[in-house]
Structures are given as structure tokens and as C-alpha cells.
Amino acid sequence: MPVHDPLTLERWRAIFATWRSSGLSVAEFCRSRALNTSSFYRWRNIFDDLDRTPESRPPQSFVPIRVVPDPIVEVIFPAGWQLRVPLAADAGQVARLVHALGAHSC
């Protein structure tokens, strides 16, 4: 969970207390105070998360992953240049690419 500036937290807690006692909708309140409505909702969500008890928070878990690169085919042409394409590449498209690059004979 990110760490927030205590003064900013205090300011937004005061804003929410004022809003709750105002009887205004969020849109009306924000308009009357020149507040950005998106910021209001974002900070309300932040406080919902901060005020939630540890028991009511969803458990955080990390799942180990292993990144496996896609298998590739490497073709080295007589002129010395190399073409690497994924093994799953469409053979027709690869042939058109080779032809477009001017490597008519391999």
C-alpha cells in the first residue's frame, strides 16, 4: 500500500467531513469548492482502503512465474544477414518477407 503525505491525508479527511455535513451531492460539493470530481472519488477510494480493517482486506499473494521466450527460427543468408522469426510465424508471410528483402535465393 502506498505511503501518503500526512498533510494531504489530513486535508482530504477534512474535505470529506465537510462534504458529509453539507448535504450536497459529490458533484455539487466539488463544483462549489472548485475540486476535481475525479480526485474526490480517487481519494475516497484511498480512504476506503486505509480505513478497512486488516481482516476485511483481500489477501495479497504473489504467484511465481517463469518467462519463457517464444521459440524462434534463425536463418542466415549467404550475404551474411540474419532473419529471426517466431517458430509459429506463417510460412507464406515469411517467404513474402524474404522475397521483399531481395533474398531470392537462399
C-alpha atoms as a PDB file:
ATOM      1  CA  MET A   1       0.000   0.000   0.000  1.00  0.00           C
ATOM      2  CA  PRO A   2       1.476   3.401  -0.937  1.00  0.00           C
ATOM      3  CA  VAL A   3       2.526   5.864   1.749  1.00  0.00           C
ATOM      4  CA  HIS A   4       0.689   9.188   1.545  1.00  0.00           C
ATOM      5  CA  ASP A   5       1.744  12.582   2.822  1.00  0.00           C
ATOM      6  CA  PRO A   6       0.142  13.102   6.269  1.00  0.00           C
ATOM      7  CA  LEU A   7      -0.783  16.720   5.469  1.00  0.00           C
ATOM      8  CA  THR A   8      -2.555  15.652   2.283  1.00  0.00           C
ATOM      9  CA  LEU A   9      -4.412  12.922   4.169  1.00  0.00           C
ATOM     10  CA  GLU A  10      -5.460  15.428   6.831  1.00  0.00           C
ATOM     11  CA  ARG A  11      -6.648  17.893   4.180  1.00  0.00           C
ATOM     12  CA  TRP A  12      -8.757  15.282   2.382  1.00  0.00           C
ATOM     13  CA  ARG A  13     -10.223  13.941   5.653  1.00  0.00           C
ATOM     14  CA  ALA A  14     -11.371  17.482   6.420  1.00  0.00           C
ATOM     15  CA  ILE A  15     -12.827  17.821   2.913  1.00  0.00           C
ATOM     16  CA  PHE A  16     -14.807  14.574   3.344  1.00  0.00           C
ATOM     17  CA  ALA A  17     -16.078  15.637   6.765  1.00  0.00           C
ATOM     18  CA  THR A  18     -17.254  18.939   5.289  1.00  0.00           C
ATOM     19  CA  TRP A  19     -18.907  17.138   2.355  1.00  0.00           C
ATOM     20  CA  ARG A  20     -20.765  14.687   4.629  1.00  0.00           C
ATOM     21  CA  SER A  21     -22.192  17.519   6.707  1.00  0.00           C
ATOM     22  CA  SER A  22     -23.037  19.667   3.661  1.00  0.00           C
ATOM     23  CA  GLY A  23     -25.928  17.592   2.376  1.00  0.00           C
ATOM     24  CA  LEU A  24     -24.705  18.241  -1.182  1.00  0.00           C
ATOM     25  CA  SER A  25     -24.106  15.648  -3.852  1.00  0.00           C
ATOM     26  CA  VAL A  26     -20.494  14.968  -4.745  1.00  0.00           C
ATOM     27  CA  ALA A  27     -20.845  16.909  -7.996  1.00  0.00           C
ATOM     28  CA  GLU A  28     -22.435  19.920  -6.273  1.00  0.00           C
ATOM     29  CA  PHE A  29     -19.886  19.894  -3.464  1.00  0.00           C
ATOM     30  CA  CYS A  30     -16.919  19.646  -5.807  1.00  0.00           C
ATOM     31  CA  ARG A  31     -18.294  22.403  -8.025  1.00  0.00           C
ATOM     32  CA  SER A  32     -18.831  24.701  -5.016  1.00  0.00           C
ATOM     33  CA  ARG A  33     -15.267  24.105  -3.762  1.00  0.00           C
ATOM     34  CA  ALA A  34     -13.559  24.030  -7.203  1.00  0.00           C
ATOM     35  CA  LEU A  35     -12.470  20.435  -6.581  1.00  0.00           C
ATOM     36  CA  ASN A  36     -11.843  17.905  -9.313  1.00  0.00           C
ATOM     37  CA  THR A  37     -14.544  15.226  -9.060  1.00  0.00           C
ATOM     38  CA  SER A  38     -12.139  12.507 -10.190  1.00  0.00           C
ATOM     39  CA  SER A  39      -9.716  13.449  -7.423  1.00  0.00           C
ATOM     40  CA  PHE A  40     -12.556  13.377  -4.920  1.00  0.00           C
ATOM     41  CA  TYR A  41     -13.518   9.822  -5.870  1.00  0.00           C
ATOM     42  CA  ARG A  42      -9.886   8.696  -6.039  1.00  0.00           C
ATOM     43  CA  TRP A  43      -9.218   9.968  -2.525  1.00  0.00           C
ATOM     44  CA  ARG A  44     -12.477   8.472  -1.267  1.00  0.00           C
ATOM     45  CA  ASN A  45     -11.294   5.079  -2.566  1.00  0.00           C
ATOM     46  CA  ILE A  46      -7.913   5.596  -0.916  1.00  0.00           C
ATOM     47  CA  PHE A  47      -9.600   6.273   2.427  1.00  0.00           C
ATOM     48  CA  ASP A  48     -11.893   3.272   1.973  1.00  0.00           C
ATOM     49  CA  ASP A  49      -8.756   1.129   1.606  1.00  0.00           C
ATOM     50  CA  LEU A  50      -6.951   2.812   4.518  1.00  0.00           C
ATOM     51  CA  ASP A  51      -9.942   2.579   6.838  1.00  0.00           C
ATOM     52  CA  ARG A  52     -10.680  -1.059   6.053  1.00  0.00           C
ATOM     53  CA  THR A  53      -9.638  -3.396   8.855  1.00  0.00           C
ATOM     54  CA  PRO A  54      -6.840  -5.832   8.046  1.00  0.00           C
ATOM     55  CA  GLU A  55      -9.318  -8.731   8.373  1.00  0.00           C
ATOM     56  CA  SER A  56     -11.587  -7.287   5.687  1.00  0.00           C
ATOM     57  CA  ARG A  57      -8.782  -6.657   3.200  1.00  0.00           C
ATOM     58  CA  PRO A  58      -8.380  -9.229   0.470  1.00  0.00           C
ATOM     59  CA  PRO A  59      -5.272 -11.343   0.977  1.00  0.00           C
ATOM     60  CA  GLN A  60      -2.323 -10.371  -1.145  1.00  0.00           C
ATOM     61  CA  SER A  61      -0.496 -13.147  -2.838  1.00  0.00           C
ATOM     62  CA  PHE A  62       2.267 -13.455  -5.336  1.00  0.00           C
ATOM     63  CA  VAL A  63       2.440 -16.267  -7.785  1.00  0.00           C
ATOM     64  CA  PRO A  64       5.866 -17.233  -9.072  1.00  0.00           C
ATOM     65  CA  ILE A  65       6.145 -17.126 -12.831  1.00  0.00           C
ATOM     66  CA  ARG A  66       8.792 -18.157 -15.288  1.00  0.00           C
ATOM     67  CA  VAL A  67       9.090 -16.230 -18.524  1.00  0.00           C
ATOM     68  CA  VAL A  68       9.790 -18.485 -21.442  1.00  0.00           C
ATOM     69  CA  PRO A  69      10.622 -16.736 -24.692  1.00  0.00           C
ATOM     70  CA  ASP A  70       8.835 -17.853 -27.834  1.00  0.00           C
ATOM     71  CA  PRO A  71      10.945 -20.301 -29.808  1.00  0.00           C
ATOM     72  CA  ILE A  72      12.476 -18.673 -32.870  1.00  0.00           C
ATOM     73  CA  VAL A  73      13.955 -19.789 -36.136  1.00  0.00           C
ATOM     74  CA  GLU A  74      17.108 -18.073 -37.298  1.00  0.00           C
ATOM     75  CA  VAL A  75      18.028 -18.074 -40.977  1.00  0.00           C
ATOM     76  CA  ILE A  76      21.472 -16.849 -42.011  1.00  0.00           C
ATOM     77  CA  PHE A  77      21.639 -15.861 -45.675  1.00  0.00           C
ATOM     78  CA  PRO A  78      24.690 -16.154 -47.938  1.00  0.00           C
ATOM     79  CA  ALA A  79      25.029 -12.376 -47.928  1.00  0.00           C
ATOM     80  CA  GLY A  80      25.531 -12.580 -44.153  1.00  0.00           C
ATOM     81  CA  TRP A  81      22.320 -11.032 -42.915  1.00  0.00           C
ATOM     82  CA  GLN A  82      20.138 -12.843 -40.409  1.00  0.00           C
ATOM     83  CA  LEU A  83      16.399 -13.221 -40.130  1.00  0.00           C
ATOM     84  CA  ARG A  84      14.844 -14.321 -36.855  1.00  0.00           C
ATOM     85  CA  VAL A  85      11.157 -15.156 -36.811  1.00  0.00           C
ATOM     86  CA  PRO A  86       8.924 -16.868 -34.259  1.00  0.00           C
ATOM     87  CA  LEU A  87       8.523 -20.569 -34.890  1.00  0.00           C
ATOM     88  CA  ALA A  88       4.774 -20.032 -35.103  1.00  0.00           C
ATOM     89  CA  ALA A  89       5.122 -17.422 -37.905  1.00  0.00           C
ATOM     90  CA  ASP A  90       3.144 -18.012 -41.061  1.00  0.00           C
ATOM     91  CA  ALA A  91       5.486 -19.564 -43.637  1.00  0.00           C
ATOM     92  CA  GLY A  92       3.821 -17.687 -46.505  1.00  0.00           C
ATOM     93  CA  GLN A  93       4.349 -14.348 -44.826  1.00  0.00           C
ATOM     94  CA  VAL A  94       7.977 -15.198 -44.089  1.00  0.00           C
ATOM     95  CA  ALA A  95       8.508 -16.169 -47.747  1.00  0.00           C
ATOM     96  CA  ARG A  96       7.000 -12.856 -48.878  1.00  0.00           C
ATOM     97  CA  LEU A  97       9.233 -11.009 -46.430  1.00  0.00           C
ATOM     98  CA  VAL A  98      12.348 -12.766 -47.709  1.00  0.00           C
ATOM     99  CA  HIS A  99      11.307 -12.051 -51.300  1.00  0.00           C
ATOM    100  CA  ALA A 100      10.651  -8.377 -50.481  1.00  0.00           C
ATOM    101  CA  LEU A 101      14.071  -8.071 -48.886  1.00  0.00           C
ATOM    102  CA  GLY A 102      15.622  -9.293 -52.085  1.00  0.00           C
ATOM    103  CA  ALA A 103      16.928 -12.638 -50.936  1.00  0.00           C
ATOM    104  CA  HIS A 104      15.524 -14.622 -53.830  1.00  0.00           C
ATOM    105  CA  SER A 105      17.999 -17.429 -53.466  1.00  0.00           C
ATOM    106  CA  CYS A 106      18.967 -18.690 -50.062  1.00  0.00           C
END
